[in-house]
mmCIF file of all heavy atoms, coordinates in Angstrom:
data_MODEL
# 
_entry.id   MODEL 
# 
loop_
_atom_site.group_PDB 
_atom_site.id 
_atom_site.type_symbol 
_atom_site.label_atom_id 
_atom_site.label_alt_id 
_atom_site.label_comp_id 
_atom_site.label_asym_id 
_atom_site.label_entity_id 
_atom_site.label_seq_id 
_atom_site.pdbx_PDB_ins_code 
_atom_site.Cartn_x 
_atom_site.Cartn_y 
_atom_site.Cartn_z 
_atom_site.occupancy 
_atom_site.B_iso_or_equiv 
_atom_site.pdbx_formal_charge 
_atom_site.auth_seq_id 
_atom_site.auth_comp_id 
_atom_site.auth_asym_id 
_atom_site.auth_atom_id 
_atom_site.pdbx_PDB_model_num 
ATOM 1   N N   . ASP A 1 1  ? -129.817 -166.032 -107.603 1.00 0.00 ? 1  ASP A N   1 
ATOM 2   C CA  . ASP A 1 1  ? -129.444 -165.018 -108.593 1.00 0.00 ? 1  ASP A CA  1 
ATOM 3   C C   . ASP A 1 1  ? -128.596 -165.703 -109.665 1.00 0.00 ? 1  ASP A C   1 
ATOM 4   O O   . ASP A 1 1  ? -127.370 -165.806 -109.523 1.00 0.00 ? 1  ASP A O   1 
ATOM 5   C CB  . ASP A 1 1  ? -128.678 -163.880 -107.927 1.00 0.00 ? 1  ASP A CB  1 
ATOM 6   C CG  . ASP A 1 1  ? -128.348 -162.729 -108.864 1.00 0.00 ? 1  ASP A CG  1 
ATOM 7   O OD1 . ASP A 1 1  ? -128.210 -162.968 -110.090 1.00 0.00 ? 1  ASP A OD1 1 
ATOM 8   O OD2 . ASP A 1 1  ? -128.217 -161.596 -108.384 1.00 0.00 ? 1  ASP A OD2 1 
ATOM 9   N N   . PRO A 1 2  ? -129.233 -166.181 -110.735 1.00 0.00 ? 2  PRO A N   1 
ATOM 10  C CA  . PRO A 1 2  ? -128.498 -166.938 -111.762 1.00 0.00 ? 2  PRO A CA  1 
ATOM 11  C C   . PRO A 1 2  ? -127.357 -166.165 -112.408 1.00 0.00 ? 2  PRO A C   1 
ATOM 12  O O   . PRO A 1 2  ? -126.335 -166.765 -112.759 1.00 0.00 ? 2  PRO A O   1 
ATOM 13  C CB  . PRO A 1 2  ? -129.584 -167.273 -112.792 1.00 0.00 ? 2  PRO A CB  1 
ATOM 14  C CG  . PRO A 1 2  ? -130.863 -167.211 -112.043 1.00 0.00 ? 2  PRO A CG  1 
ATOM 15  C CD  . PRO A 1 2  ? -130.669 -166.152 -110.998 1.00 0.00 ? 2  PRO A CD  1 
ATOM 16  N N   . GLU A 1 3  ? -127.476 -164.876 -112.556 1.00 0.00 ? 3  GLU A N   1 
ATOM 17  C CA  . GLU A 1 3  ? -126.417 -164.083 -113.185 1.00 0.00 ? 3  GLU A CA  1 
ATOM 18  C C   . GLU A 1 3  ? -125.151 -164.086 -112.330 1.00 0.00 ? 3  GLU A C   1 
ATOM 19  O O   . GLU A 1 3  ? -124.052 -164.319 -112.829 1.00 0.00 ? 3  GLU A O   1 
ATOM 20  C CB  . GLU A 1 3  ? -126.905 -162.657 -113.426 1.00 0.00 ? 3  GLU A CB  1 
ATOM 21  C CG  . GLU A 1 3  ? -125.962 -161.828 -114.268 1.00 0.00 ? 3  GLU A CG  1 
ATOM 22  C CD  . GLU A 1 3  ? -126.551 -160.466 -114.578 1.00 0.00 ? 3  GLU A CD  1 
ATOM 23  O OE1 . GLU A 1 3  ? -127.648 -160.415 -115.168 1.00 0.00 ? 3  GLU A OE1 1 
ATOM 24  O OE2 . GLU A 1 3  ? -125.904 -159.467 -114.213 1.00 0.00 ? 3  GLU A OE2 1 
ATOM 25  N N   . ARG A 1 4  ? -125.310 -163.841 -111.042 1.00 0.00 ? 4  ARG A N   1 
ATOM 26  C CA  . ARG A 1 4  ? -124.147 -163.883 -110.136 1.00 0.00 ? 4  ARG A CA  1 
ATOM 27  C C   . ARG A 1 4  ? -123.568 -165.287 -110.060 1.00 0.00 ? 4  ARG A C   1 
ATOM 28  O O   . ARG A 1 4  ? -122.357 -165.474 -110.063 1.00 0.00 ? 4  ARG A O   1 
ATOM 29  C CB  . ARG A 1 4  ? -124.541 -163.423 -108.742 1.00 0.00 ? 4  ARG A CB  1 
ATOM 30  C CG  . ARG A 1 4  ? -124.698 -161.957 -108.604 1.00 0.00 ? 4  ARG A CG  1 
ATOM 31  C CD  . ARG A 1 4  ? -124.983 -161.604 -107.174 1.00 0.00 ? 4  ARG A CD  1 
ATOM 32  N NE  . ARG A 1 4  ? -125.275 -160.186 -107.077 1.00 0.00 ? 4  ARG A NE  1 
ATOM 33  C CZ  . ARG A 1 4  ? -125.305 -159.514 -105.959 1.00 0.00 ? 4  ARG A CZ  1 
ATOM 34  N NH1 . ARG A 1 4  ? -125.092 -160.131 -104.816 1.00 0.00 ? 4  ARG A NH1 1 
ATOM 35  N NH2 . ARG A 1 4  ? -125.565 -158.230 -105.956 1.00 0.00 ? 4  ARG A NH2 1 
ATOM 36  N N   . ALA A 1 5  ? -124.441 -166.273 -109.977 1.00 0.00 ? 5  ALA A N   1 
ATOM 37  C CA  . ALA A 1 5  ? -123.978 -167.659 -109.892 1.00 0.00 ? 5  ALA A CA  1 
ATOM 38  C C   . ALA A 1 5  ? -123.189 -168.043 -111.140 1.00 0.00 ? 5  ALA A C   1 
ATOM 39  O O   . ALA A 1 5  ? -122.192 -168.758 -111.056 1.00 0.00 ? 5  ALA A O   1 
ATOM 40  C CB  . ALA A 1 5  ? -125.170 -168.598 -109.690 1.00 0.00 ? 5  ALA A CB  1 
ATOM 41  N N   . ALA A 1 6  ? -123.602 -167.556 -112.296 1.00 0.00 ? 6  ALA A N   1 
ATOM 42  C CA  . ALA A 1 6  ? -122.899 -167.859 -113.549 1.00 0.00 ? 6  ALA A CA  1 
ATOM 43  C C   . ALA A 1 6  ? -121.498 -167.252 -113.554 1.00 0.00 ? 6  ALA A C   1 
ATOM 44  O O   . ALA A 1 6  ? -120.552 -167.881 -114.037 1.00 0.00 ? 6  ALA A O   1 
ATOM 45  C CB  . ALA A 1 6  ? -123.702 -167.354 -114.737 1.00 0.00 ? 6  ALA A CB  1 
ATOM 46  N N   . ARG A 1 7  ? -121.352 -166.060 -113.010 1.00 0.00 ? 7  ARG A N   1 
ATOM 47  C CA  . ARG A 1 7  ? -120.011 -165.439 -112.931 1.00 0.00 ? 7  ARG A CA  1 
ATOM 48  C C   . ARG A 1 7  ? -119.095 -166.270 -112.035 1.00 0.00 ? 7  ARG A C   1 
ATOM 49  O O   . ARG A 1 7  ? -117.930 -166.500 -112.356 1.00 0.00 ? 7  ARG A O   1 
ATOM 50  C CB  . ARG A 1 7  ? -120.120 -163.994 -112.431 1.00 0.00 ? 7  ARG A CB  1 
ATOM 51  C CG  . ARG A 1 7  ? -120.672 -163.037 -113.468 1.00 0.00 ? 7  ARG A CG  1 
ATOM 52  C CD  . ARG A 1 7  ? -120.442 -161.593 -113.087 1.00 0.00 ? 7  ARG A CD  1 
ATOM 53  N NE  . ARG A 1 7  ? -121.078 -161.211 -111.835 1.00 0.00 ? 7  ARG A NE  1 
ATOM 54  C CZ  . ARG A 1 7  ? -122.274 -160.622 -111.722 1.00 0.00 ? 7  ARG A CZ  1 
ATOM 55  N NH1 . ARG A 1 7  ? -122.962 -160.343 -112.799 1.00 0.00 ? 7  ARG A NH1 1 
ATOM 56  N NH2 . ARG A 1 7  ? -122.754 -160.304 -110.546 1.00 0.00 ? 7  ARG A NH2 1 
ATOM 57  N N   . TYR A 1 8  ? -119.643 -166.720 -110.921 1.00 0.00 ? 8  TYR A N   1 
ATOM 58  C CA  . TYR A 1 8  ? -118.872 -167.571 -110.017 1.00 0.00 ? 8  TYR A CA  1 
ATOM 59  C C   . TYR A 1 8  ? -118.501 -168.890 -110.707 1.00 0.00 ? 8  TYR A C   1 
ATOM 60  O O   . TYR A 1 8  ? -117.355 -169.326 -110.657 1.00 0.00 ? 8  TYR A O   1 
ATOM 61  C CB  . TYR A 1 8  ? -119.671 -167.842 -108.739 1.00 0.00 ? 8  TYR A CB  1 
ATOM 62  C CG  . TYR A 1 8  ? -119.078 -168.921 -107.887 1.00 0.00 ? 8  TYR A CG  1 
ATOM 63  C CD1 . TYR A 1 8  ? -117.960 -168.663 -107.097 1.00 0.00 ? 8  TYR A CD1 1 
ATOM 64  C CD2 . TYR A 1 8  ? -119.608 -170.204 -107.872 1.00 0.00 ? 8  TYR A CD2 1 
ATOM 65  C CE1 . TYR A 1 8  ? -117.395 -169.659 -106.311 1.00 0.00 ? 8  TYR A CE1 1 
ATOM 66  C CE2 . TYR A 1 8  ? -119.050 -171.202 -107.098 1.00 0.00 ? 8  TYR A CE2 1 
ATOM 67  C CZ  . TYR A 1 8  ? -117.949 -170.926 -106.324 1.00 0.00 ? 8  TYR A CZ  1 
ATOM 68  O OH  . TYR A 1 8  ? -117.372 -171.906 -105.557 1.00 0.00 ? 8  TYR A OH  1 
ATOM 69  N N   . ALA A 1 9  ? -119.477 -169.509 -111.373 1.00 0.00 ? 9  ALA A N   1 
ATOM 70  C CA  . ALA A 1 9  ? -119.243 -170.789 -112.042 1.00 0.00 ? 9  ALA A CA  1 
ATOM 71  C C   . ALA A 1 9  ? -118.195 -170.682 -113.135 1.00 0.00 ? 9  ALA A C   1 
ATOM 72  O O   . ALA A 1 9  ? -117.462 -171.630 -113.396 1.00 0.00 ? 9  ALA A O   1 
ATOM 73  C CB  . ALA A 1 9  ? -120.561 -171.326 -112.612 1.00 0.00 ? 9  ALA A CB  1 
ATOM 74  N N   . ALA A 1 10 ? -118.104 -169.531 -113.766 1.00 0.00 ? 10 ALA A N   1 
ATOM 75  C CA  . ALA A 1 10 ? -117.105 -169.338 -114.824 1.00 0.00 ? 10 ALA A CA  1 
ATOM 76  C C   . ALA A 1 10 ? -115.705 -169.151 -114.245 1.00 0.00 ? 10 ALA A C   1 
ATOM 77  O O   . ALA A 1 10 ? -114.711 -169.543 -114.861 1.00 0.00 ? 10 ALA A O   1 
ATOM 78  C CB  . ALA A 1 10 ? -117.483 -168.135 -115.679 1.00 0.00 ? 10 ALA A CB  1 
ATOM 79  N N   . ALA A 1 11 ? -115.608 -168.567 -113.064 1.00 0.00 ? 11 ALA A N   1 
ATOM 80  C CA  . ALA A 1 11 ? -114.304 -168.232 -112.481 1.00 0.00 ? 11 ALA A CA  1 
ATOM 81  C C   . ALA A 1 11 ? -113.721 -169.326 -111.586 1.00 0.00 ? 11 ALA A C   1 
ATOM 82  O O   . ALA A 1 11 ? -112.506 -169.413 -111.441 1.00 0.00 ? 11 ALA A O   1 
ATOM 83  C CB  . ALA A 1 11 ? -114.420 -166.932 -111.683 1.00 0.00 ? 11 ALA A CB  1 
ATOM 84  N N   . SER A 1 12 ? -114.561 -170.157 -111.004 1.00 0.00 ? 12 SER A N   1 
ATOM 85  C CA  . SER A 1 12 ? -114.053 -171.115 -110.016 1.00 0.00 ? 12 SER A CA  1 
ATOM 86  C C   . SER A 1 12 ? -113.229 -172.274 -110.576 1.00 0.00 ? 12 SER A C   1 
ATOM 87  O O   . SER A 1 12 ? -112.301 -172.728 -109.907 1.00 0.00 ? 12 SER A O   1 
ATOM 88  C CB  . SER A 1 12 ? -115.208 -171.641 -109.152 1.00 0.00 ? 12 SER A CB  1 
ATOM 89  O OG  . SER A 1 12 ? -116.169 -172.275 -109.941 1.00 0.00 ? 12 SER A OG  1 
ATOM 90  N N   . PRO A 1 13 ? -113.489 -172.796 -111.785 1.00 0.00 ? 13 PRO A N   1 
ATOM 91  C CA  . PRO A 1 13 ? -112.709 -173.954 -112.248 1.00 0.00 ? 13 PRO A CA  1 
ATOM 92  C C   . PRO A 1 13 ? -111.197 -173.729 -112.284 1.00 0.00 ? 13 PRO A C   1 
ATOM 93  O O   . PRO A 1 13 ? -110.435 -174.658 -111.980 1.00 0.00 ? 13 PRO A O   1 
ATOM 94  C CB  . PRO A 1 13 ? -113.257 -174.221 -113.651 1.00 0.00 ? 13 PRO A CB  1 
ATOM 95  C CG  . PRO A 1 13 ? -114.656 -173.727 -113.595 1.00 0.00 ? 13 PRO A CG  1 
ATOM 96  C CD  . PRO A 1 13 ? -114.584 -172.502 -112.719 1.00 0.00 ? 13 PRO A CD  1 
ATOM 97  N N   . ALA A 1 14 ? -110.744 -172.552 -112.631 1.00 0.00 ? 14 ALA A N   1 
ATOM 98  C CA  . ALA A 1 14 ? -109.302 -172.300 -112.685 1.00 0.00 ? 14 ALA A CA  1 
ATOM 99  C C   . ALA A 1 14 ? -108.663 -172.473 -111.311 1.00 0.00 ? 14 ALA A C   1 
ATOM 100 O O   . ALA A 1 14 ? -107.553 -173.004 -111.205 1.00 0.00 ? 14 ALA A O   1 
ATOM 101 C CB  . ALA A 1 14 ? -109.025 -170.907 -113.239 1.00 0.00 ? 14 ALA A CB  1 
ATOM 102 N N   . THR A 1 15 ? -109.362 -172.051 -110.255 1.00 0.00 ? 15 THR A N   1 
ATOM 103 C CA  . THR A 1 15 ? -108.795 -172.213 -108.913 1.00 0.00 ? 15 THR A CA  1 
ATOM 104 C C   . THR A 1 15 ? -108.801 -173.675 -108.500 1.00 0.00 ? 15 THR A C   1 
ATOM 105 O O   . THR A 1 15 ? -107.860 -174.147 -107.869 1.00 0.00 ? 15 THR A O   1 
ATOM 106 C CB  . THR A 1 15 ? -109.546 -171.363 -107.869 1.00 0.00 ? 15 THR A CB  1 
ATOM 107 O OG1 . THR A 1 15 ? -110.884 -171.846 -107.705 1.00 0.00 ? 15 THR A OG1 1 
ATOM 108 C CG2 . THR A 1 15 ? -109.565 -169.900 -108.250 1.00 0.00 ? 15 THR A CG2 1 
ATOM 109 N N   . VAL A 1 16 ? -109.857 -174.406 -108.849 1.00 0.00 ? 16 VAL A N   1 
ATOM 110 C CA  . VAL A 1 16 ? -109.934 -175.833 -108.532 1.00 0.00 ? 16 VAL A CA  1 
ATOM 111 C C   . VAL A 1 16 ? -108.767 -176.574 -109.190 1.00 0.00 ? 16 VAL A C   1 
ATOM 112 O O   . VAL A 1 16 ? -108.055 -177.347 -108.543 1.00 0.00 ? 16 VAL A O   1 
ATOM 113 C CB  . VAL A 1 16 ? -111.292 -176.414 -109.002 1.00 0.00 ? 16 VAL A CB  1 
ATOM 114 C CG1 . VAL A 1 16 ? -111.279 -177.933 -108.971 1.00 0.00 ? 16 VAL A CG1 1 
ATOM 115 C CG2 . VAL A 1 16 ? -112.427 -175.866 -108.149 1.00 0.00 ? 16 VAL A CG2 1 
ATOM 116 N N   . GLU A 1 17 ? -108.558 -176.327 -110.468 1.00 0.00 ? 17 GLU A N   1 
ATOM 117 C CA  . GLU A 1 17 ? -107.489 -177.000 -111.202 1.00 0.00 ? 17 GLU A CA  1 
ATOM 118 C C   . GLU A 1 17 ? -106.115 -176.666 -110.634 1.00 0.00 ? 17 GLU A C   1 
ATOM 119 O O   . GLU A 1 17 ? -105.234 -177.532 -110.586 1.00 0.00 ? 17 GLU A O   1 
ATOM 120 C CB  . GLU A 1 17 ? -107.561 -176.622 -112.674 1.00 0.00 ? 17 GLU A CB  1 
ATOM 121 C CG  . GLU A 1 17 ? -108.774 -177.211 -113.360 1.00 0.00 ? 17 GLU A CG  1 
ATOM 122 C CD  . GLU A 1 17 ? -108.994 -176.666 -114.761 1.00 0.00 ? 17 GLU A CD  1 
ATOM 123 O OE1 . GLU A 1 17 ? -108.087 -176.010 -115.317 1.00 0.00 ? 17 GLU A OE1 1 
ATOM 124 O OE2 . GLU A 1 17 ? -110.098 -176.889 -115.291 1.00 0.00 ? 17 GLU A OE2 1 
ATOM 125 N N   . ARG A 1 18 ? -105.935 -175.436 -110.199 1.00 0.00 ? 18 ARG A N   1 
ATOM 126 C CA  . ARG A 1 18 ? -104.647 -175.010 -109.648 1.00 0.00 ? 18 ARG A CA  1 
ATOM 127 C C   . ARG A 1 18 ? -104.261 -175.829 -108.416 1.00 0.00 ? 18 ARG A C   1 
ATOM 128 O O   . ARG A 1 18 ? -103.080 -175.991 -108.106 1.00 0.00 ? 18 ARG A O   1 
ATOM 129 C CB  . ARG A 1 18 ? -104.714 -173.520 -109.300 1.00 0.00 ? 18 ARG A CB  1 
ATOM 130 C CG  . ARG A 1 18 ? -103.370 -172.885 -109.069 1.00 0.00 ? 18 ARG A CG  1 
ATOM 131 C CD  . ARG A 1 18 ? -103.452 -171.371 -108.973 1.00 0.00 ? 18 ARG A CD  1 
ATOM 132 N NE  . ARG A 1 18 ? -103.932 -170.825 -110.236 1.00 0.00 ? 18 ARG A NE  1 
ATOM 133 C CZ  . ARG A 1 18 ? -104.918 -169.914 -110.354 1.00 0.00 ? 18 ARG A CZ  1 
ATOM 134 N NH1 . ARG A 1 18 ? -105.502 -169.442 -109.298 1.00 0.00 ? 18 ARG A NH1 1 
ATOM 135 N NH2 . ARG A 1 18 ? -105.294 -169.467 -111.528 1.00 0.00 ? 18 ARG A NH2 1 
ATOM 136 N N   . TYR A 1 19 ? -105.248 -176.362 -107.705 1.00 0.00 ? 19 TYR A N   1 
ATOM 137 C CA  . TYR A 1 19 ? -104.986 -177.156 -106.503 1.00 0.00 ? 19 TYR A CA  1 
ATOM 138 C C   . TYR A 1 19 ? -105.164 -178.655 -106.741 1.00 0.00 ? 19 TYR A C   1 
ATOM 139 O O   . TYR A 1 19 ? -105.303 -179.435 -105.815 1.00 0.00 ? 19 TYR A O   1 
ATOM 140 C CB  . TYR A 1 19 ? -105.860 -176.655 -105.344 1.00 0.00 ? 19 TYR A CB  1 
ATOM 141 C CG  . TYR A 1 19 ? -105.330 -175.352 -104.805 1.00 0.00 ? 19 TYR A CG  1 
ATOM 142 C CD1 . TYR A 1 19 ? -105.624 -174.147 -105.442 1.00 0.00 ? 19 TYR A CD1 1 
ATOM 143 C CD2 . TYR A 1 19 ? -104.474 -175.320 -103.715 1.00 0.00 ? 19 TYR A CD2 1 
ATOM 144 C CE1 . TYR A 1 19 ? -105.101 -172.950 -104.987 1.00 0.00 ? 19 TYR A CE1 1 
ATOM 145 C CE2 . TYR A 1 19 ? -103.945 -174.133 -103.252 1.00 0.00 ? 19 TYR A CE2 1 
ATOM 146 C CZ  . TYR A 1 19 ? -104.267 -172.946 -103.895 1.00 0.00 ? 19 TYR A CZ  1 
ATOM 147 O OH  . TYR A 1 19 ? -103.732 -171.759 -103.441 1.00 0.00 ? 19 TYR A OH  1 
ATOM 148 N N   . GLY A 1 20 ? -105.165 -179.046 -108.004 1.00 0.00 ? 20 GLY A N   1 
ATOM 149 C CA  . GLY A 1 20 ? -105.217 -180.461 -108.347 1.00 0.00 ? 20 GLY A CA  1 
ATOM 150 C C   . GLY A 1 20 ? -106.602 -181.060 -108.346 1.00 0.00 ? 20 GLY A C   1 
ATOM 151 O O   . GLY A 1 20 ? -106.743 -182.288 -108.393 1.00 0.00 ? 20 GLY A O   1 
ATOM 152 N N   . GLY A 1 21 ? -107.636 -180.221 -108.309 1.00 0.00 ? 21 GLY A N   1 
ATOM 153 C CA  . GLY A 1 21 ? -108.997 -180.732 -108.285 1.00 0.00 ? 21 GLY A CA  1 
ATOM 154 C C   . GLY A 1 21 ? -109.546 -180.978 -109.678 1.00 0.00 ? 21 GLY A C   1 
ATOM 155 O O   . GLY A 1 21 ? -109.068 -180.408 -110.657 1.00 0.00 ? 21 GLY A O   1 
ATOM 156 N N   . ARG A 1 22 ? -110.541 -181.858 -109.734 1.00 0.00 ? 22 ARG A N   1 
ATOM 157 C CA  . ARG A 1 22 ? -111.241 -182.093 -110.994 1.00 0.00 ? 22 ARG A CA  1 
ATOM 158 C C   . ARG A 1 22 ? -112.706 -182.346 -110.689 1.00 0.00 ? 22 ARG A C   1 
ATOM 159 O O   . ARG A 1 22 ? -113.048 -183.024 -109.712 1.00 0.00 ? 22 ARG A O   1 
ATOM 160 C CB  . ARG A 1 22 ? -110.630 -183.231 -111.786 1.00 0.00 ? 22 ARG A CB  1 
ATOM 161 C CG  . ARG A 1 22 ? -110.809 -184.591 -111.177 1.00 0.00 ? 22 ARG A CG  1 
ATOM 162 C CD  . ARG A 1 22 ? -110.087 -185.663 -112.015 1.00 0.00 ? 22 ARG A CD  1 
ATOM 163 N NE  . ARG A 1 22 ? -110.338 -186.964 -111.435 1.00 0.00 ? 22 ARG A NE  1 
ATOM 164 C CZ  . ARG A 1 22 ? -111.114 -187.889 -111.968 1.00 0.00 ? 22 ARG A CZ  1 
ATOM 165 N NH1 . ARG A 1 22 ? -111.713 -187.667 -113.116 1.00 0.00 ? 22 ARG A NH1 1 
ATOM 166 N NH2 . ARG A 1 22 ? -111.302 -189.048 -111.379 1.00 0.00 ? 22 ARG A NH2 1 
ATOM 167 N N   . TYR A 1 23 ? -113.551 -181.788 -111.521 1.00 0.00 ? 23 TYR A N   1 
ATOM 168 C CA  . TYR A 1 23 ? -114.991 -181.920 -111.337 1.00 0.00 ? 23 TYR A CA  1 
ATOM 169 C C   . TYR A 1 23 ? -115.434 -183.328 -111.727 1.00 0.00 ? 23 TYR A C   1 
ATOM 170 O O   . TYR A 1 23 ? -115.101 -183.818 -112.797 1.00 0.00 ? 23 TYR A O   1 
ATOM 171 C CB  . TYR A 1 23 ? -115.740 -180.901 -112.196 1.00 0.00 ? 23 TYR A CB  1 
ATOM 172 C CG  . TYR A 1 23 ? -115.617 -179.498 -111.667 1.00 0.00 ? 23 TYR A CG  1 
ATOM 173 C CD1 . TYR A 1 23 ? -114.564 -178.680 -112.038 1.00 0.00 ? 23 TYR A CD1 1 
ATOM 174 C CD2 . TYR A 1 23 ? -116.555 -178.993 -110.777 1.00 0.00 ? 23 TYR A CD2 1 
ATOM 175 C CE1 . TYR A 1 23 ? -114.441 -177.389 -111.555 1.00 0.00 ? 23 TYR A CE1 1 
ATOM 176 C CE2 . TYR A 1 23 ? -116.450 -177.704 -110.276 1.00 0.00 ? 23 TYR A CE2 1 
ATOM 177 C CZ  . TYR A 1 23 ? -115.391 -176.910 -110.665 1.00 0.00 ? 23 TYR A CZ  1 
ATOM 178 O OH  . TYR A 1 23 ? -115.277 -175.634 -110.177 1.00 0.00 ? 23 TYR A OH  1 
ATOM 179 N N   . LEU A 1 24 ? -116.205 -183.953 -110.852 1.00 0.00 ? 24 LEU A N   1 
ATOM 180 C CA  . LEU A 1 24 ? -116.815 -185.245 -111.144 1.00 0.00 ? 24 LEU A CA  1 
ATOM 181 C C   . LEU A 1 24 ? -118.289 -185.070 -111.484 1.00 0.00 ? 24 LEU A C   1 
ATOM 182 O O   . LEU A 1 24 ? -118.844 -185.840 -112.255 1.00 0.00 ? 24 LEU A O   1 
ATOM 183 C CB  . LEU A 1 24 ? -116.658 -186.196 -109.959 1.00 0.00 ? 24 LEU A CB  1 
ATOM 184 C CG  . LEU A 1 24 ? -115.226 -186.499 -109.534 1.00 0.00 ? 24 LEU A CG  1 
ATOM 185 C CD1 . LEU A 1 24 ? -115.219 -187.448 -108.349 1.00 0.00 ? 24 LEU A CD1 1 
ATOM 186 C CD2 . LEU A 1 24 ? -114.431 -187.087 -110.692 1.00 0.00 ? 24 LEU A CD2 1 
# 
C-alpha cells in the first residue's frame, strides 16, 4: 500500500534522528 507506506516514510525520520540515527 504505497499511500500508507509514504505516510510512514514521512514520519519516521524524526524519530530516527531523535535517537542519533542517520540514514545510509
